[in-house]
Protein backbone atom coordinates (compact mmCIF):
# COMPACT_ATOMS: atom_id res chain seq x y z
CA MET A 1 43.87 -72.03 -40.34
CA THR A 2 44.90 -72.15 -36.77
CA ASP A 3 46.67 -69.19 -35.42
CA ARG A 4 49.11 -70.09 -32.68
CA LEU A 5 49.72 -66.62 -31.06
CA ILE A 6 51.91 -66.24 -28.12
CA PRO A 7 50.37 -63.70 -25.62
CA PRO A 8 52.41 -61.29 -23.68
CA GLY A 9 54.25 -63.07 -20.85
CA GLY A 10 53.93 -66.52 -22.64
CA GLU A 11 51.42 -69.13 -22.06
CA SER A 12 48.67 -68.35 -19.50
CA ALA A 13 47.92 -70.51 -16.86
CA ASP A 14 44.51 -71.70 -18.06
CA ARG A 15 45.56 -72.24 -21.71
CA PRO A 16 46.49 -75.61 -23.01
CA THR A 17 49.96 -76.21 -23.89
CA THR A 18 49.02 -77.17 -27.33
CA ASP A 19 46.34 -76.13 -29.90
CA ARG A 20 46.14 -79.84 -31.09
CA PRO A 21 42.62 -80.97 -31.53
CA THR A 22 41.70 -84.06 -29.86
CA THR A 23 41.69 -87.39 -31.69
CA ASP A 24 40.69 -91.01 -31.34
CA ARG A 25 43.54 -92.32 -33.09
CA PRO A 26 45.97 -94.42 -31.38
CA THR A 27 49.29 -92.85 -30.38
CA THR A 28 51.27 -95.63 -29.33
CA ASP A 29 53.38 -95.14 -32.35
CA ARG A 30 54.82 -91.99 -31.01
CA PRO A 31 58.47 -92.04 -30.15
CA THR A 32 58.95 -92.99 -26.51
CA THR A 33 60.57 -90.41 -24.07
CA ASP A 34 63.11 -90.80 -21.38
CA ARG A 35 64.18 -87.98 -19.18
CA PRO A 36 67.42 -86.31 -20.37
CA THR A 37 70.68 -86.88 -18.33
CA THR A 38 71.38 -83.02 -18.09
CA ASP A 39 70.39 -81.13 -15.05
CA ARG A 40 67.80 -78.75 -15.97
CA PRO A 41 65.57 -77.32 -13.02
CA THR A 42 62.76 -75.74 -15.07
CA THR A 43 61.51 -75.38 -18.42
CA ASP A 44 62.52 -72.48 -20.67
CA ARG A 45 59.34 -70.62 -21.12
CA PRO A 46 60.13 -69.12 -24.62
CA THR A 47 61.21 -72.55 -25.79
CA ALA A 48 57.91 -74.12 -24.39
CA ASP A 49 55.83 -71.40 -25.97
CA ALA A 50 57.42 -71.96 -29.28
CA TRP A 51 56.97 -75.77 -29.01
CA ALA A 52 53.34 -75.40 -28.17
CA ALA A 53 52.88 -72.78 -31.12
CA LEU A 54 54.28 -75.46 -33.32
CA GLY A 55 51.88 -78.18 -31.93
CA GLY A 56 54.40 -80.08 -30.21
CA PRO A 57 53.77 -82.55 -27.43
CA ALA A 58 54.51 -80.83 -24.26
CA GLU A 59 55.81 -84.02 -22.46
CA LEU A 60 58.96 -83.92 -24.73
CA LEU A 61 60.12 -80.12 -23.31
CA ASP A 62 61.97 -82.20 -20.55
CA ARG A 63 64.45 -83.37 -23.24
CA VAL A 64 65.65 -79.71 -23.76
CA GLY A 65 68.62 -78.24 -21.93
CA PHE A 66 71.17 -75.28 -22.70
CA HIS A 67 74.95 -75.02 -22.11
CA GLY A 68 77.76 -72.55 -23.27
CA PRO A 69 78.10 -68.80 -22.82
CA GLN A 70 75.30 -66.76 -21.65
CA ASP A 71 76.76 -63.11 -22.49
CA VAL A 72 75.62 -63.31 -26.15
CA LEU A 73 73.20 -61.32 -28.40
CA PRO A 74 72.95 -58.24 -25.83
CA SER A 75 70.01 -56.14 -26.69
CA GLY A 76 67.35 -54.02 -25.02
CA LEU A 77 64.97 -56.88 -26.07
CA PRO A 78 65.39 -60.69 -25.24
CA VAL A 79 66.94 -61.65 -28.38
CA ARG A 80 69.14 -64.19 -26.77
CA ARG A 81 65.97 -65.76 -25.43
CA LEU A 82 64.35 -65.80 -28.73
CA ALA A 83 67.36 -67.16 -30.60
CA ARG A 84 68.09 -70.10 -28.37
CA ALA A 85 64.09 -70.99 -28.18
CA THR A 86 63.63 -71.17 -31.80
CA VAL A 87 66.83 -73.47 -32.30
CA ALA A 88 65.96 -75.37 -29.33
CA ALA A 89 62.35 -76.10 -30.84
CA CYS A 90 64.01 -76.80 -34.15
CA SER A 91 66.47 -79.38 -32.56
CA LEU A 92 63.69 -81.05 -30.66
CA ALA A 93 61.49 -81.32 -33.60
CA ALA A 94 64.62 -83.12 -35.47
CA ALA A 95 65.12 -85.18 -32.31
CA GLU A 96 61.35 -86.28 -32.39
CA LEU A 97 61.44 -87.24 -36.08
CA ALA A 98 64.78 -88.87 -35.67
CA ALA A 99 63.30 -91.22 -33.02
CA HIS A 100 60.24 -92.00 -35.13
CA ARG A 101 62.58 -93.15 -37.95
CA ALA A 102 65.33 -94.55 -36.30
CA GLY A 103 63.37 -96.27 -33.32
CA GLY A 104 63.78 -95.76 -29.64
CA ALA A 105 63.73 -92.62 -27.32
CA VAL A 106 63.78 -89.15 -28.28
CA PRO A 107 67.43 -88.07 -28.17
CA ALA A 108 68.27 -85.32 -25.57
CA VAL A 109 68.74 -81.98 -26.85
CA ARG A 110 71.64 -79.84 -25.69
CA VAL A 111 71.76 -76.53 -27.43
CA ASP A 112 74.93 -74.67 -27.04
CA GLU A 113 74.18 -70.91 -26.84
CA GLY A 114 77.47 -69.91 -28.41
CA ALA A 115 76.69 -71.82 -31.53
CA VAL A 116 73.21 -70.16 -31.75
CA ALA A 117 74.83 -66.66 -31.08
CA THR A 118 77.20 -67.49 -33.95
CA ALA A 119 74.78 -68.90 -36.46
CA PHE A 120 72.34 -66.07 -35.91
CA VAL A 121 75.03 -63.62 -37.61
CA SER A 122 76.29 -66.26 -40.18
CA GLU A 123 76.50 -63.79 -42.85
CA ARG A 124 78.77 -61.63 -40.82
CA HIS A 125 81.32 -64.57 -40.15
CA LEU A 126 81.49 -65.63 -43.72
CA THR A 127 84.64 -64.90 -45.42
CA VAL A 128 85.24 -66.06 -49.11
CA ASP A 129 88.94 -66.68 -49.66
CA SER A 130 89.53 -64.38 -46.74
CA ARG A 131 87.55 -61.72 -48.33
CA THR A 132 84.63 -60.28 -45.90
CA PRO A 133 81.37 -59.73 -47.89
CA VAL A 134 79.65 -56.31 -47.47
CA SER A 135 76.15 -56.98 -45.67
CA PHE A 136 74.46 -53.55 -46.58
CA ALA A 137 75.03 -51.64 -49.90
CA PRO A 138 75.70 -47.79 -49.47
CA HIS A 139 72.01 -46.80 -50.45
CA SER A 140 70.73 -49.25 -47.60
CA GLY A 141 70.36 -47.95 -43.84
CA PHE A 142 68.98 -45.28 -41.76
CA TRP A 143 68.34 -41.66 -43.14
CA ARG A 144 67.01 -38.52 -41.65
CA THR A 145 64.07 -37.33 -43.07
CA ALA A 146 62.15 -33.93 -42.88
CA ASP A 147 60.29 -35.43 -39.42
CA GLY A 148 62.10 -38.25 -38.36
CA TRP A 149 63.86 -41.23 -39.88
CA VAL A 150 63.29 -43.72 -42.71
CA ARG A 151 65.01 -47.19 -43.46
CA THR A 152 66.23 -48.16 -46.80
CA HIS A 153 67.02 -51.39 -48.39
CA ALA A 154 68.68 -51.23 -51.81
CA ASN A 155 71.04 -54.14 -51.70
CA TYR A 156 69.91 -55.47 -55.04
CA PRO A 157 70.67 -53.61 -58.22
CA HIS A 158 67.01 -53.48 -59.16
CA HIS A 159 66.01 -52.21 -55.69
CA ARG A 160 68.37 -49.42 -55.78
CA ALA A 161 67.49 -48.20 -59.28
CA ARG A 162 63.72 -48.28 -58.14
CA LEU A 163 64.55 -46.09 -55.08
CA LEU A 164 66.32 -43.67 -57.15
CA VAL A 165 63.30 -43.49 -59.64
CA ALA A 166 60.69 -43.07 -56.81
CA LEU A 167 62.81 -39.92 -55.48
CA ASP A 168 63.15 -38.41 -58.88
CA LEU A 169 66.98 -39.04 -58.84
CA ALA A 170 69.48 -39.79 -61.39
CA SER A 171 70.28 -43.43 -62.00
CA ASP A 172 73.86 -42.79 -60.84
CA ALA A 173 72.74 -40.77 -57.74
CA GLY A 174 75.18 -41.51 -54.94
CA PRO A 175 74.32 -41.86 -50.91
CA GLU A 176 74.91 -38.18 -50.52
CA GLN A 177 72.46 -37.21 -53.02
CA LEU A 178 69.95 -39.78 -51.51
CA ALA A 179 70.60 -38.36 -48.19
CA GLU A 180 69.95 -34.81 -49.37
CA ALA A 181 66.48 -35.88 -51.15
CA LEU A 182 65.45 -37.78 -47.99
CA GLY A 183 66.09 -35.15 -45.58
CA LYS A 184 63.52 -32.84 -47.56
CA LEU A 185 60.63 -35.20 -47.28
CA PRO A 186 58.37 -36.80 -44.50
CA ALA A 187 59.31 -40.07 -43.64
CA GLU A 188 55.90 -41.57 -44.34
CA GLN A 189 55.83 -39.72 -47.74
CA ILE A 190 58.94 -41.56 -48.74
CA GLN A 191 57.57 -44.83 -47.66
CA GLU A 192 54.41 -44.24 -49.87
CA ARG A 193 56.29 -43.30 -52.71
CA ALA A 194 58.60 -46.02 -52.60
CA TYR A 195 55.82 -48.78 -52.33
CA PRO A 196 54.01 -48.32 -55.69
CA ALA A 197 57.54 -48.05 -57.49
CA GLY A 198 58.63 -51.53 -56.15
CA ALA A 199 61.19 -49.78 -54.01
CA LEU A 200 61.88 -50.67 -50.33
CA ALA A 201 61.65 -47.78 -47.69
CA VAL A 202 59.92 -47.98 -44.47
CA ALA A 203 59.49 -44.80 -42.07
CA VAL A 204 60.86 -45.71 -38.53
CA ALA A 205 57.61 -46.10 -36.27
CA PRO A 206 57.24 -46.25 -32.45
CA VAL A 207 56.63 -49.89 -30.85
CA SER A 208 53.35 -51.29 -32.44
CA ALA A 209 50.69 -52.73 -30.42
CA ALA A 210 49.53 -55.07 -33.01
CA VAL A 211 50.18 -58.66 -32.60
CA HIS A 212 50.67 -61.10 -35.28
CA PRO A 213 50.49 -64.74 -34.84
CA LEU A 214 53.79 -66.74 -34.41
CA VAL A 215 52.60 -69.62 -36.41
CA GLU A 216 49.47 -70.40 -38.58
CA SER A 217 48.71 -73.97 -39.31
CA GLN A 218 45.99 -76.01 -41.11
CA GLU A 219 45.57 -79.66 -41.56
CA ILE A 220 44.49 -80.42 -44.97
CA GLY A 221 42.15 -83.53 -45.26
CA ALA A 222 43.83 -86.94 -44.39
CA ALA A 223 45.29 -88.05 -47.68
CA PRO A 224 47.83 -90.76 -47.13
CA VAL A 225 51.38 -89.67 -47.20
CA ARG A 226 54.57 -91.35 -48.74
CA PRO A 227 56.43 -93.72 -46.24
CA LEU A 228 59.81 -92.53 -45.33
CA GLY A 229 61.13 -95.69 -43.56
CA ALA A 230 64.31 -95.95 -41.31
CA ALA A 231 66.79 -93.18 -41.38
CA PRO A 232 70.04 -92.50 -39.15
CA VAL A 233 69.80 -90.34 -36.25
CA ASP A 234 71.82 -87.67 -37.92
CA ARG A 235 69.77 -87.51 -41.04
CA PRO A 236 65.95 -87.68 -39.81
CA ALA A 237 64.90 -85.87 -42.97
CA ALA A 238 66.80 -88.21 -45.43
CA GLY A 239 64.69 -88.97 -48.46
CA VAL A 240 62.30 -85.97 -48.00
CA ARG A 241 62.35 -83.81 -51.08
CA VAL A 242 61.99 -80.18 -50.44
CA LEU A 243 61.43 -77.65 -53.24
CA ASP A 244 62.90 -74.49 -52.11
CA LEU A 245 61.24 -71.27 -53.51
CA THR A 246 62.76 -68.82 -51.08
CA ARG A 247 65.04 -65.83 -51.12
CA VAL A 248 67.18 -63.63 -48.43
CA ILE A 249 68.09 -65.38 -45.42
CA ALA A 250 64.77 -66.69 -43.51
CA GLY A 251 63.60 -69.19 -46.13
CA PRO A 252 67.26 -69.91 -47.00
CA VAL A 253 68.14 -70.41 -43.49
CA ALA A 254 64.94 -72.95 -43.20
CA THR A 255 65.86 -74.88 -46.08
CA ARG A 256 69.69 -74.96 -45.13
CA THR A 257 68.59 -76.59 -41.77
CA LEU A 258 66.53 -79.18 -43.53
CA ALA A 259 69.36 -79.99 -45.89
CA LEU A 260 71.75 -80.37 -42.82
CA LEU A 261 69.24 -82.95 -41.41
CA GLY A 262 69.18 -84.99 -44.56
CA ALA A 263 66.43 -83.67 -46.90
CA ASP A 264 67.19 -83.23 -50.68
CA VAL A 265 66.75 -79.50 -50.90
CA LEU A 266 66.37 -78.04 -54.64
CA ARG A 267 66.12 -74.25 -54.68
CA ILE A 268 64.62 -72.80 -57.87
CA ASP A 269 64.87 -69.30 -59.15
CA SER A 270 63.66 -67.26 -62.01
CA PRO A 271 66.71 -66.40 -64.45
CA ARG A 272 65.45 -62.92 -64.53
CA LEU A 273 65.94 -62.35 -60.60
CA PRO A 274 69.32 -61.74 -59.59
CA GLU A 275 71.05 -63.19 -56.61
CA ALA A 276 74.00 -62.04 -54.33
CA GLU A 277 76.46 -64.86 -54.62
CA ASP A 278 77.69 -63.93 -51.35
CA ALA A 279 74.31 -64.62 -49.92
CA HIS A 280 74.32 -67.81 -51.48
CA ALA A 281 77.49 -68.89 -50.17
CA ASP A 282 76.26 -68.49 -46.64
CA THR A 283 72.94 -69.93 -46.96
CA GLY A 284 73.50 -72.36 -49.91
CA PHE A 285 75.21 -75.19 -47.66
CA GLY A 286 73.48 -78.63 -48.24
CA LYS A 287 71.26 -77.46 -50.96
CA ARG A 288 71.31 -77.40 -54.80
CA SER A 289 70.15 -74.54 -56.89
CA ALA A 290 68.68 -74.25 -60.43
CA ARG A 291 66.99 -71.54 -62.38
CA LEU A 292 63.66 -72.10 -64.22
CA ASP A 293 61.51 -69.74 -65.95
CA LEU A 294 57.97 -70.74 -65.10
CA ALA A 295 56.66 -68.75 -68.29
CA ASP A 296 58.71 -70.83 -70.71
CA PRO A 297 56.89 -74.15 -71.56
CA ALA A 298 59.87 -76.35 -71.54
CA ASP A 299 60.73 -75.07 -68.03
CA ARG A 300 57.29 -75.22 -66.67
CA VAL A 301 57.11 -78.91 -67.73
CA THR A 302 60.50 -79.60 -65.80
CA PHE A 303 59.07 -77.86 -62.86
CA GLU A 304 55.90 -79.63 -62.94
CA GLY A 305 58.00 -82.76 -62.71
CA LEU A 306 59.83 -81.81 -59.62
CA LEU A 307 56.41 -80.88 -58.06
CA ASP A 308 54.68 -84.05 -58.76
CA THR A 309 57.38 -85.96 -56.59
CA ALA A 310 58.14 -83.30 -53.95
CA ASP A 311 56.89 -83.75 -50.19
CA VAL A 312 57.50 -80.20 -49.11
CA VAL A 313 57.13 -76.87 -50.91
CA VAL A 314 58.57 -73.82 -49.04
CA THR A 315 57.78 -70.38 -50.40
CA GLY A 316 59.39 -67.01 -49.32
CA TYR A 317 57.59 -64.34 -51.61
CA ARG A 318 54.93 -61.97 -50.64
CA PRO A 319 51.37 -62.97 -50.54
CA GLY A 320 49.92 -63.56 -53.95
CA ALA A 321 53.16 -63.33 -55.82
CA LEU A 322 53.15 -66.81 -56.86
CA ASP A 323 49.58 -67.20 -57.63
CA ALA A 324 49.70 -66.52 -61.22
CA HIS A 325 52.03 -69.16 -61.69
CA GLY A 326 49.45 -71.84 -60.15
CA LEU A 327 51.34 -72.03 -56.95
CA ALA A 328 48.76 -70.73 -54.52
CA PRO A 329 48.37 -72.97 -51.45
CA GLY A 330 44.79 -73.95 -52.67
CA ALA A 331 46.22 -75.22 -56.02
CA LEU A 332 48.91 -76.95 -54.61
CA PHE A 333 46.73 -78.85 -52.23
CA ALA A 334 43.98 -79.67 -55.13
CA ARG A 335 46.89 -81.38 -57.05
CA ARG A 336 48.65 -82.94 -54.12
CA PRO A 337 46.59 -83.02 -50.85
CA ASP A 338 49.50 -84.84 -49.10
CA LEU A 339 52.03 -81.80 -49.40
CA ILE A 340 53.53 -79.76 -46.51
CA VAL A 341 53.42 -76.15 -47.71
CA ALA A 342 55.30 -73.64 -45.71
CA GLN A 343 54.97 -69.93 -46.63
CA LEU A 344 56.87 -67.11 -44.92
CA CYS A 345 56.38 -63.20 -45.68
CA ALA A 346 57.56 -59.88 -44.06
CA TRP A 347 54.40 -58.19 -42.67
CA GLY A 348 52.03 -60.75 -41.98
CA TRP A 349 49.03 -62.62 -43.95
CA THR A 350 46.43 -59.84 -43.24
CA GLY A 351 46.12 -56.30 -43.15
CA PRO A 352 46.98 -53.34 -45.52
CA TRP A 353 50.53 -54.18 -45.58
CA ALA A 354 50.22 -57.90 -46.33
CA GLY A 355 51.21 -57.70 -49.87
CA ARG A 356 54.19 -55.41 -49.49
CA ARG A 357 57.97 -56.25 -49.81
CA GLY A 358 59.99 -56.57 -46.81
CA PHE A 359 63.26 -57.69 -45.15
CA ASP A 360 64.19 -57.88 -41.47
CA SER A 361 65.64 -54.55 -41.32
CA LEU A 362 62.52 -52.93 -42.64
CA VAL A 363 60.24 -54.99 -40.48
CA GLN A 364 62.65 -53.81 -37.43
CA ALA A 365 62.01 -50.22 -38.53
CA GLY A 366 58.17 -50.50 -39.16
CA VAL A 367 57.13 -52.44 -35.98
CA GLY A 368 59.12 -50.34 -33.48
CA ILE A 369 62.34 -52.38 -33.03
CA ALA A 370 64.37 -49.90 -34.44
CA ALA A 371 62.80 -46.80 -32.09
CA HIS A 372 63.07 -49.35 -29.09
CA GLU A 373 66.68 -49.71 -29.64
CA ALA A 374 67.47 -46.13 -30.58
CA ALA A 375 70.71 -44.36 -29.22
CA PRO A 376 70.56 -41.76 -26.75
CA ASP A 377 70.75 -39.18 -29.58
CA GLY A 378 67.75 -40.56 -31.00
CA ARG A 379 69.39 -42.41 -34.03
CA PRO A 380 67.44 -45.63 -34.67
CA GLY A 381 68.99 -48.81 -33.60
CA VAL A 382 69.18 -52.45 -34.58
CA LEU A 383 69.17 -55.79 -32.91
CA PRO A 384 72.38 -57.69 -32.54
CA ALA A 385 71.54 -59.82 -35.27
CA GLN A 386 68.95 -60.08 -38.00
CA ALA A 387 67.11 -62.11 -35.48
CA LEU A 388 63.55 -62.08 -37.23
CA ASP A 389 65.13 -63.58 -40.33
CA HIS A 390 67.30 -66.28 -38.42
CA GLY A 391 64.58 -67.04 -35.82
CA THR A 392 61.63 -67.28 -38.41
CA GLY A 393 63.85 -69.62 -40.44
CA TYR A 394 64.46 -72.16 -37.61
CA LEU A 395 60.61 -72.00 -36.83
CA VAL A 396 59.81 -72.97 -40.43
CA ALA A 397 62.26 -75.76 -40.26
CA ALA A 398 60.89 -77.09 -37.00
CA ALA A 399 57.24 -76.79 -38.35
CA VAL A 400 58.25 -78.77 -41.34
CA LEU A 401 59.83 -81.58 -39.27
CA ARG A 402 56.93 -81.63 -36.83
CA ALA A 403 54.42 -82.21 -39.98
CA LEU A 404 56.69 -84.97 -41.14
CA THR A 405 56.30 -86.61 -37.98
CA ASP A 406 52.69 -85.86 -37.48
CA GLN A 407 51.92 -87.08 -40.97
CA ARG A 408 53.69 -90.44 -40.33
CA THR A 409 52.40 -91.13 -36.75
CA ASP A 410 48.58 -90.46 -36.05
CA ARG A 411 47.91 -87.42 -38.43
CA PRO A 412 48.07 -87.97 -42.30
CA GLY A 413 47.14 -85.53 -44.89
CA GLY A 414 48.44 -82.08 -46.05
CA ARG A 415 49.72 -79.10 -43.96
CA HIS A 416 49.50 -75.44 -44.67
CA LEU A 417 52.01 -73.71 -42.47
CA ARG A 418 52.30 -69.67 -42.45
CA PHE A 419 55.14 -67.50 -40.84
CA SER A 420 55.97 -63.91 -41.13
CA LEU A 421 58.69 -61.64 -39.81
CA ALA A 422 55.92 -59.49 -38.22
CA GLY A 423 55.06 -62.42 -36.14
CA THR A 424 58.33 -63.16 -34.83
CA ALA A 425 58.93 -59.62 -34.19
CA SER A 426 55.55 -59.57 -32.22
CA TRP A 427 56.66 -62.39 -30.17
CA LEU A 428 60.03 -60.56 -29.35
CA LEU A 429 58.30 -57.33 -28.55
CA HIS A 430 55.15 -58.60 -26.74
CA GLY A 431 55.43 -62.45 -26.24
CA ILE A 432 58.94 -63.01 -24.47
CA PRO A 433 59.52 -61.73 -20.84
CA PRO A 434 62.26 -59.31 -20.41
CA GLU A 435 65.14 -61.41 -19.13
CA GLY A 436 66.28 -60.46 -15.69
CA PRO A 437 69.62 -61.14 -14.17
CA VAL A 438 71.09 -64.40 -15.60
CA GLU A 439 72.51 -66.70 -12.98
CA PRO A 440 75.73 -67.94 -14.22
CA ARG A 441 76.20 -71.46 -15.11
CA GLU A 442 78.78 -73.41 -13.08
CA THR A 443 80.52 -74.23 -16.29
CA ALA A 444 79.87 -70.80 -17.82
CA GLU A 445 82.55 -69.94 -20.68
CA PRO A 446 83.39 -66.74 -22.33
CA TYR A 447 81.93 -66.37 -25.71
CA ASP A 448 84.34 -67.18 -28.51
CA PRO A 449 82.93 -67.36 -31.78
CA ALA A 450 86.01 -68.74 -33.48
CA SER A 451 85.32 -72.21 -31.71
CA ARG A 452 81.93 -72.38 -33.45
CA LEU A 453 83.51 -71.60 -37.12
CA THR A 454 85.09 -74.03 -39.58
CA GLU A 455 86.41 -73.70 -43.15
CA THR A 456 85.23 -75.51 -46.24
CA ASP A 457 86.46 -75.47 -49.72
CA SER A 458 83.72 -74.68 -52.24
CA ALA A 459 82.82 -73.57 -55.71
CA TYR A 460 83.29 -69.84 -54.61
CA GLY A 461 86.70 -70.60 -52.94
CA ARG A 462 87.58 -71.29 -49.41
CA LEU A 463 84.74 -70.47 -47.27
CA ARG A 464 85.04 -69.62 -43.40
CA HIS A 465 81.52 -70.26 -41.94
CA ALA A 466 79.72 -70.78 -38.81
CA LEU A 467 78.75 -74.28 -37.99
CA PRO A 468 75.03 -75.33 -37.53
CA PRO A 469 73.40 -74.57 -33.85
CA ILE A 470 71.10 -77.72 -33.99
CA GLY A 471 71.99 -79.87 -31.05
CA TYR A 472 70.72 -83.09 -30.08
CA GLU A 473 72.39 -86.41 -29.20
CA GLY A 474 73.57 -87.44 -32.65
CA ALA A 475 73.12 -84.33 -34.47
CA PRO A 476 75.00 -83.59 -37.70
CA ALA A 477 78.08 -81.45 -36.88
CA ASP A 478 78.20 -80.04 -40.32
CA TRP A 479 76.57 -79.86 -43.75
CA ALA A 480 77.19 -82.94 -46.07
CA ARG A 481 78.29 -80.54 -49.08
CA PRO A 482 79.24 -76.85 -49.44
CA PRO A 483 77.14 -74.55 -51.53
CA GLY A 484 77.50 -74.84 -55.21
CA ARG A 485 77.36 -71.75 -57.58
CA TRP A 486 74.01 -70.25 -57.63
CA GLY A 487 71.69 -71.63 -60.35
CA THR A 488 73.96 -73.86 -61.66
CA ASP A 489 72.65 -77.50 -60.68
CA ALA A 490 70.53 -79.55 -62.83
CA PRO A 491 66.78 -79.27 -61.89
CA VAL A 492 66.37 -82.93 -60.76
CA TRP A 493 65.99 -84.74 -57.67
CA LEU A 494 68.70 -86.91 -56.39
């Protein structure tokens, strides 16, 4: 496994721009590149670092430019730079694959920062028949403890129930009773009581010095891969079958992006694990969704058939959670050495917290982002978006697109890709330099999210939603299909 870790301040001067090993294979079948027509005097450093971490050819970076408003995602941390870099890297990976499949030069990448900012808070812009969903439940949030603060996540009913059990509260206890109980206990004691109960509570910690890799990647053998043939520029992933085993923003954003680019994405969930319909209405665009119980023999046969002809498997469960179902990476590659397996988790893949559940809000608390963004009165703060989720999602999609290109140019074989919210948080805290004064563009515009929103009829009703931020010449402007109702599609490939 190759760790692609971005050091503080970006790539060092004596470090190669990519971690790709040398090869004697011919590279003449790589897409040709022409310089973009846009005026971009310097390469954006975070974009270059993300692209290098993904193993992308450095010479393609001169394709990338930015436009649109700059007064977006304000924060004490370089959130704007993280957001636009992850979308730019994903856009460039899509353009690279499009050039391979359509022939010709790699299209120029033009990322609209207003579209990026809008997409990074897509869940906040969503309305369903003019109704605005509630992002966080009453039992979720920051709470004072006997010695500091704790962050809870109880959006799902089973998480709320487990939290109340862990604190010896009645099943119908409200937020006031929760606050009273939490106020009597130290934050770390709450955290350690919640963990074995399957509940979600994390003590708000100072900024962590720990650095997790942004990307971990490994090439698996040299097995031949299925040819993909030609595809239109706006559908570079057409014909690619993606088995989506993810939940809650980061993974669904990744697979939503692959679906935008033409992939046949089929999300599979257990019928025993509930999903928030509003969350699926936001991240289910372009995809289909089915429910299968892997402990049921008939459902297992159906799942095995899907796996037999998948090109990509994306998982978003904590490390080891899927191993009992035969879905550990080693088992998958033993069966299908040509697969692309992309995994993401909350807390990183090693260390004492690797196996813990987590969400963006909890990772912000645990790694010190909440403390860094605290208000003058000491109350913990948050980023202007769930940027760890969204940023990681675009990086996962970018890595899959790059793997598809690599497999079909000079590097056949499987790919094992790993990401974590903690890795993206490390990059934000330690790898992206703070942004100085921004020099206004000649064509600067005020940020108006309304121009980056549209409305679509769906099985849920009339949706107002954010448009995709992927930007390259010929990129799709919107998804080909709205989200269907969660878990109601047939478990078959198109």
